[in-house]
């Protein structure tokens, strides 16, 4: 059985990793704004406008999942301890 301290530490590191992935994805999409959609459009036979919408949706959903599944439980456990 894991202790509250171990679970808190796990959620803290999981939050750091997920926020890093989110930041890296955002930076890549912003800096390669025209290159990435062009490559994906050719690979998957999609419109670039649809891909831009999909990228935004991906970033939004990833952020919400990170907050709900990592950050909020981490804060709750910190308050409990």
C-alpha atoms as a PDB file:
ATOM      1  CA  UNK A   1       0.000   0.000   0.000  1.00  0.00           C
ATOM      2  CA  UNK A   2       1.302   3.426  -0.925  1.00  0.00           C
ATOM      3  CA  UNK A   3       1.400   6.257   1.556  1.00  0.00           C
ATOM      4  CA  UNK A   4      -0.196   9.637   0.959  1.00  0.00           C
ATOM      5  CA  UNK A   5       3.280  11.146   0.664  1.00  0.00           C
ATOM      6  CA  UNK A   6       4.238   8.684  -2.079  1.00  0.00           C
ATOM      7  CA  UNK A   7       1.040   9.319  -4.047  1.00  0.00           C
ATOM      8  CA  UNK A   8       1.511  13.079  -3.637  1.00  0.00           C
ATOM      9  CA  UNK A   9       5.063  12.849  -4.941  1.00  0.00           C
ATOM     10  CA  UNK A  10       3.931  10.683  -7.856  1.00  0.00           C
ATOM     11  CA  UNK A  11       1.190  13.148  -8.827  1.00  0.00           C
ATOM     12  CA  UNK A  12       3.627  16.041  -8.506  1.00  0.00           C
ATOM     13  CA  UNK A  13       6.089  14.465 -10.935  1.00  0.00           C
ATOM     14  CA  UNK A  14       3.285  13.353 -13.256  1.00  0.00           C
ATOM     15  CA  UNK A  15       2.075  16.957 -13.333  1.00  0.00           C
ATOM     16  CA  UNK A  16       5.555  18.245 -14.161  1.00  0.00           C
ATOM     17  CA  UNK A  17       5.950  15.729 -16.994  1.00  0.00           C
ATOM     18  CA  UNK A  18       2.489  16.422 -18.448  1.00  0.00           C
ATOM     19  CA  UNK A  19       2.921  20.200 -18.268  1.00  0.00           C
ATOM     20  CA  UNK A  20       6.308  19.830 -19.999  1.00  0.00           C
ATOM     21  CA  UNK A  21       4.729  17.784 -22.793  1.00  0.00           C
ATOM     22  CA  UNK A  22       1.959  20.363 -23.134  1.00  0.00           C
ATOM     23  CA  UNK A  23       4.461  23.237 -23.316  1.00  0.00           C
ATOM     24  CA  UNK A  24       6.674  21.406 -25.806  1.00  0.00           C
ATOM     25  CA  UNK A  25       3.668  20.615 -28.022  1.00  0.00           C
ATOM     26  CA  UNK A  26       2.461  24.196 -27.872  1.00  0.00           C
ATOM     27  CA  UNK A  27       5.897  25.614 -28.681  1.00  0.00           C
ATOM     28  CA  UNK A  28       6.336  23.195 -31.595  1.00  0.00           C
ATOM     29  CA  UNK A  29       2.924  24.039 -33.026  1.00  0.00           C
ATOM     30  CA  UNK A  30       3.512  27.778 -32.670  1.00  0.00           C
ATOM     31  CA  UNK A  31       7.025  27.843 -34.088  1.00  0.00           C
ATOM     32  CA  UNK A  32       6.279  25.478 -36.981  1.00  0.00           C
ATOM     33  CA  UNK A  33       2.845  26.913 -37.668  1.00  0.00           C
ATOM     34  CA  UNK A  34       2.944  26.276 -41.414  1.00  0.00           C
ATOM     35  CA  UNK A  35       5.266  23.287 -41.636  1.00  0.00           C
ATOM     36  CA  UNK A  36       3.450  20.838 -39.358  1.00  0.00           C
ATOM     37  CA  UNK A  37      -0.031  21.238 -40.904  1.00  0.00           C
ATOM     38  CA  UNK A  38       1.448  20.920 -44.396  1.00  0.00           C
ATOM     39  CA  UNK A  39       3.190  17.640 -43.522  1.00  0.00           C
ATOM     40  CA  UNK A  40       0.145  16.192 -41.764  1.00  0.00           C
ATOM     41  CA  UNK A  41      -2.172  17.314 -44.555  1.00  0.00           C
ATOM     42  CA  UNK A  42      -0.101  15.372 -47.080  1.00  0.00           C
ATOM     43  CA  UNK A  43       0.241  12.320 -44.825  1.00  0.00           C
ATOM     44  CA  UNK A  44      -3.437  11.987 -43.936  1.00  0.00           C
ATOM     45  CA  UNK A  45      -5.144  13.704 -46.906  1.00  0.00           C
ATOM     46  CA  UNK A  46      -6.770  16.344 -44.722  1.00  0.00           C
ATOM     47  CA  UNK A  47      -7.325  20.063 -45.081  1.00  0.00           C
ATOM     48  CA  UNK A  48      -4.868  22.305 -43.246  1.00  0.00           C
ATOM     49  CA  UNK A  49      -7.737  24.256 -41.661  1.00  0.00           C
ATOM     50  CA  UNK A  50      -9.168  21.049 -40.192  1.00  0.00           C
ATOM     51  CA  UNK A  51      -5.756  20.164 -38.807  1.00  0.00           C
ATOM     52  CA  UNK A  52      -5.376  23.529 -37.108  1.00  0.00           C
ATOM     53  CA  UNK A  53      -8.733  22.969 -35.413  1.00  0.00           C
ATOM     54  CA  UNK A  54      -7.612  19.461 -34.383  1.00  0.00           C
ATOM     55  CA  UNK A  55      -4.351  20.812 -32.920  1.00  0.00           C
ATOM     56  CA  UNK A  56      -6.253  23.367 -30.856  1.00  0.00           C
ATOM     57  CA  UNK A  57      -8.679  20.686 -29.675  1.00  0.00           C
ATOM     58  CA  UNK A  58      -5.755  18.394 -28.750  1.00  0.00           C
ATOM     59  CA  UNK A  59      -4.051  21.095 -26.688  1.00  0.00           C
ATOM     60  CA  UNK A  60      -7.302  22.007 -24.954  1.00  0.00           C
ATOM     61  CA  UNK A  61      -8.204  18.422 -24.066  1.00  0.00           C
ATOM     62  CA  UNK A  62      -4.658  17.620 -22.906  1.00  0.00           C
ATOM     63  CA  UNK A  63      -4.680  20.672 -20.640  1.00  0.00           C
ATOM     64  CA  UNK A  64      -8.050  19.756 -19.128  1.00  0.00           C
ATOM     65  CA  UNK A  65      -6.990  16.141 -18.553  1.00  0.00           C
ATOM     66  CA  UNK A  66      -3.730  17.256 -16.922  1.00  0.00           C
ATOM     67  CA  UNK A  67      -5.560  19.613 -14.593  1.00  0.00           C
ATOM     68  CA  UNK A  68      -8.303  17.153 -13.646  1.00  0.00           C
ATOM     69  CA  UNK A  69      -6.225  13.986 -13.307  1.00  0.00           C
ATOM     70  CA  UNK A  70      -2.914  15.352 -11.999  1.00  0.00           C
ATOM     71  CA  UNK A  71      -2.977  18.862 -10.599  1.00  0.00           C
ATOM     72  CA  UNK A  72      -6.283  18.824  -8.716  1.00  0.00           C
ATOM     73  CA  UNK A  73      -5.577  15.508  -6.902  1.00  0.00           C
ATOM     74  CA  UNK A  74      -2.053  16.737  -6.114  1.00  0.00           C
ATOM     75  CA  UNK A  75      -3.409  19.929  -4.531  1.00  0.00           C
ATOM     76  CA  UNK A  76      -6.062  17.952  -2.624  1.00  0.00           C
ATOM     77  CA  UNK A  77      -3.414  15.608  -1.199  1.00  0.00           C
ATOM     78  CA  UNK A  78      -1.190  18.553  -0.283  1.00  0.00           C
ATOM     79  CA  UNK A  79      -4.099  20.105   1.617  1.00  0.00           C
ATOM     80  CA  UNK A  80      -4.796  16.798   3.381  1.00  0.00           C
ATOM     81  CA  UNK A  81      -1.187  16.318   4.499  1.00  0.00           C
END
